[in-house]
């Protein structure tokens, strides 16, 4: 038969197992969030524009191509 002591220990064990799974899920979630943050840091872009005349991509306010007619 089930006694009060056995029921008590069964409840304690169930809570312990539930809490362990909760910790594992939290670690997995934090791990995936950290990986996602790391991926976003490495994907920083630069400010650039494409010249309509020569098609060269340049940074700054004007085309950097010396042979382009718009840079003169």
N, C-alpha and C. Protein backbone atom coordinates (compact mmCIF):
# COMPACT_ATOMS: atom_id res chain seq x y z
N UNK A 1 0.84 -1.19 0.00
CA UNK A 1 0.00 0.00 0.00
C UNK A 1 0.88 1.25 0.00
N UNK A 2 0.27 2.28 -0.43
CA UNK A 2 0.95 3.57 -0.43
C UNK A 2 0.80 4.22 0.94
N UNK A 3 1.91 4.58 1.48
CA UNK A 3 1.87 5.27 2.76
C UNK A 3 2.12 6.76 2.52
N UNK A 4 1.96 7.55 3.54
CA UNK A 4 2.17 9.00 3.44
C UNK A 4 3.61 9.29 3.08
N UNK A 5 4.54 8.55 3.62
CA UNK A 5 5.96 8.74 3.33
C UNK A 5 6.29 8.48 1.87
N UNK A 6 5.72 7.41 1.31
CA UNK A 6 5.97 7.08 -0.10
C UNK A 6 5.38 8.15 -1.02
N UNK A 7 4.20 8.62 -0.73
CA UNK A 7 3.57 9.67 -1.53
C UNK A 7 4.40 10.95 -1.46
N UNK A 8 4.87 11.28 -0.26
CA UNK A 8 5.71 12.47 -0.08
C UNK A 8 6.96 12.38 -0.94
N UNK A 9 7.68 11.26 -0.89
CA UNK A 9 8.90 11.11 -1.68
C UNK A 9 8.63 11.05 -3.18
N UNK A 10 7.51 10.49 -3.56
CA UNK A 10 7.13 10.48 -4.97
C UNK A 10 6.93 11.91 -5.48
N UNK A 11 6.26 12.72 -4.70
CA UNK A 11 6.04 14.13 -5.08
C UNK A 11 7.38 14.88 -5.15
N UNK A 12 8.26 14.63 -4.19
CA UNK A 12 9.58 15.28 -4.19
C UNK A 12 10.37 14.90 -5.44
N UNK A 13 10.36 13.64 -5.81
CA UNK A 13 11.08 13.16 -6.99
C UNK A 13 10.48 13.76 -8.26
N UNK A 14 9.17 13.83 -8.35
CA UNK A 14 8.52 14.41 -9.54
C UNK A 14 8.88 15.88 -9.69
N UNK A 15 8.87 16.63 -8.59
CA UNK A 15 9.25 18.03 -8.66
C UNK A 15 10.72 18.19 -9.04
N UNK A 16 11.58 17.32 -8.55
CA UNK A 16 13.00 17.39 -8.89
C UNK A 16 13.22 17.14 -10.38
N UNK A 17 12.57 16.13 -10.92
CA UNK A 17 12.71 15.82 -12.35
C UNK A 17 12.16 16.97 -13.19
N UNK A 18 11.02 17.51 -12.80
CA UNK A 18 10.42 18.64 -13.53
C UNK A 18 11.36 19.84 -13.51
N UNK A 19 11.96 20.13 -12.37
CA UNK A 19 12.86 21.27 -12.23
C UNK A 19 14.13 21.06 -13.07
N UNK A 20 14.64 19.85 -13.13
CA UNK A 20 15.82 19.56 -13.94
C UNK A 20 15.52 19.80 -15.42
N UNK A 21 14.37 19.34 -15.90
CA UNK A 21 14.00 19.59 -17.30
C UNK A 21 13.81 21.08 -17.57
N UNK A 22 13.30 21.79 -16.61
CA UNK A 22 13.12 23.23 -16.74
C UNK A 22 14.48 23.92 -16.90
N UNK A 23 15.48 23.52 -16.12
CA UNK A 23 16.82 24.08 -16.22
C UNK A 23 17.44 23.76 -17.58
N UNK A 24 17.26 22.53 -18.05
CA UNK A 24 17.82 22.13 -19.35
C UNK A 24 17.21 22.96 -20.47
N UNK A 25 15.90 23.15 -20.46
CA UNK A 25 15.24 23.95 -21.49
C UNK A 25 15.72 25.39 -21.46
N UNK A 26 15.93 25.93 -20.27
CA UNK A 26 16.41 27.31 -20.15
C UNK A 26 17.80 27.44 -20.73
N UNK A 27 18.66 26.47 -20.50
CA UNK A 27 20.02 26.50 -21.06
C UNK A 27 19.98 26.43 -22.58
N UNK A 28 19.12 25.58 -23.12
CA UNK A 28 19.01 25.48 -24.58
C UNK A 28 18.53 26.80 -25.18
N UNK A 29 17.57 27.44 -24.54
CA UNK A 29 17.04 28.71 -25.02
C UNK A 29 18.11 29.78 -24.97
N UNK A 30 18.87 29.86 -23.88
CA UNK A 30 19.94 30.84 -23.75
C UNK A 30 21.04 30.57 -24.78
N UNK A 31 21.33 29.32 -25.03
CA UNK A 31 22.36 28.97 -26.00
C UNK A 31 21.95 29.41 -27.40
N UNK A 32 20.70 29.18 -27.76
CA UNK A 32 20.25 29.58 -29.10
C UNK A 32 20.19 31.10 -29.22
N UNK A 33 19.82 31.80 -28.14
CA UNK A 33 19.78 33.26 -28.18
C UNK A 33 21.19 33.83 -28.31
N UNK A 34 22.15 33.25 -27.60
CA UNK A 34 23.53 33.73 -27.69
C UNK A 34 24.09 33.50 -29.09
N UNK A 35 23.78 32.38 -29.68
CA UNK A 35 24.25 32.09 -31.03
C UNK A 35 23.64 33.08 -32.02
N UNK A 36 22.37 33.39 -31.84
CA UNK A 36 21.69 34.32 -32.73
C UNK A 36 22.30 35.72 -32.58
N UNK A 37 22.61 36.14 -31.36
CA UNK A 37 23.24 37.44 -31.15
C UNK A 37 24.61 37.48 -31.80
N UNK A 38 25.37 36.40 -31.67
CA UNK A 38 26.70 36.33 -32.26
C UNK A 38 26.62 36.41 -33.78
N UNK A 39 25.64 35.75 -34.38
CA UNK A 39 25.48 35.80 -35.83
C UNK A 39 25.12 37.20 -36.30
N UNK A 40 24.28 37.91 -35.53
CA UNK A 40 23.88 39.26 -35.92
C UNK A 40 25.03 40.25 -35.80
N UNK A 41 25.95 40.05 -34.86
CA UNK A 41 27.09 40.94 -34.70
C UNK A 41 28.01 40.83 -35.91
N UNK A 42 28.19 39.64 -36.43
CA UNK A 42 29.09 39.44 -37.56
C UNK A 42 28.49 39.90 -38.89
N UNK A 43 27.24 40.23 -38.94
CA UNK A 43 26.59 40.60 -40.19
C UNK A 43 26.34 42.11 -40.29
N UNK A 44 27.24 42.89 -39.72
CA UNK A 44 27.08 44.34 -39.82
C UNK A 44 27.30 44.76 -41.27
N UNK A 45 26.50 45.68 -41.72
CA UNK A 45 26.62 46.16 -43.08
C UNK A 45 27.38 47.47 -43.13
N UNK A 46 27.66 47.92 -44.32
CA UNK A 46 28.31 49.21 -44.50
C UNK A 46 27.37 50.09 -45.30
N UNK A 47 27.53 51.39 -45.13
CA UNK A 47 26.74 52.33 -45.90
C UNK A 47 27.42 52.52 -47.26
N UNK A 48 26.74 52.15 -48.30
CA UNK A 48 27.29 52.26 -49.64
C UNK A 48 26.17 52.60 -50.61
N UNK A 49 26.54 53.11 -51.75
CA UNK A 49 25.57 53.38 -52.79
C UNK A 49 26.15 52.97 -54.13
N UNK A 50 25.28 52.75 -55.07
CA UNK A 50 25.70 52.35 -56.42
C UNK A 50 25.57 53.56 -57.33
N UNK A 51 26.66 53.87 -58.01
CA UNK A 51 26.67 55.00 -58.93
C UNK A 51 25.76 54.68 -60.12
N UNK A 52 24.90 55.63 -60.48
CA UNK A 52 23.99 55.44 -61.61
C UNK A 52 24.71 55.46 -62.95
N UNK A 53 25.85 56.12 -63.03
CA UNK A 53 26.56 56.27 -64.30
C UNK A 53 27.44 55.06 -64.59
N UNK A 54 28.35 54.72 -63.63
CA UNK A 54 29.32 53.66 -63.91
C UNK A 54 28.95 52.33 -63.25
N UNK A 55 28.07 52.34 -62.27
CA UNK A 55 27.65 51.10 -61.61
C UNK A 55 28.57 50.64 -60.50
N UNK A 56 29.57 51.45 -60.11
CA UNK A 56 30.51 51.09 -59.06
C UNK A 56 29.88 51.36 -57.70
N UNK A 57 30.07 50.43 -56.78
CA UNK A 57 29.59 50.63 -55.40
C UNK A 57 30.66 51.41 -54.66
N UNK A 58 30.25 52.48 -53.98
CA UNK A 58 31.19 53.34 -53.27
C UNK A 58 30.64 53.70 -51.90
N UNK A 59 31.56 54.00 -51.00
CA UNK A 59 31.18 54.53 -49.70
C UNK A 59 31.36 56.04 -49.73
N UNK A 60 30.70 56.73 -48.86
CA UNK A 60 30.83 58.18 -48.83
C UNK A 60 29.68 58.83 -49.59
N UNK A 61 29.94 60.08 -50.00
CA UNK A 61 28.88 60.87 -50.63
C UNK A 61 28.97 60.93 -52.15
N UNK A 62 30.13 60.57 -52.72
CA UNK A 62 30.28 60.65 -54.18
C UNK A 62 30.97 59.39 -54.70
N UNK A 63 30.93 59.20 -55.98
CA UNK A 63 31.52 58.04 -56.63
C UNK A 63 33.05 58.13 -56.54
N UNK A 64 33.68 57.00 -56.23
CA UNK A 64 35.14 56.96 -56.09
C UNK A 64 35.87 56.55 -57.36
N UNK A 65 35.13 56.27 -58.43
CA UNK A 65 35.73 55.87 -59.69
C UNK A 65 36.29 57.10 -60.41
N UNK A 66 37.60 57.12 -60.64
CA UNK A 66 38.24 58.29 -61.28
C UNK A 66 37.84 58.44 -62.74
N UNK A 67 37.44 57.33 -63.38
CA UNK A 67 37.07 57.38 -64.79
C UNK A 67 35.59 57.71 -65.00
N UNK A 68 34.83 57.80 -63.92
CA UNK A 68 33.39 58.07 -64.01
C UNK A 68 33.17 59.56 -64.26
N UNK A 69 32.18 59.87 -65.10
CA UNK A 69 31.91 61.28 -65.41
C UNK A 69 31.24 62.03 -64.26
N UNK A 70 30.63 61.31 -63.34
CA UNK A 70 29.95 61.99 -62.23
C UNK A 70 30.89 62.36 -61.10
N UNK A 71 32.11 61.82 -61.05
CA UNK A 71 33.03 62.12 -59.96
C UNK A 71 33.86 63.36 -60.21
N UNK A 72 33.79 63.91 -61.40
CA UNK A 72 34.62 65.09 -61.73
C UNK A 72 33.92 66.37 -61.40
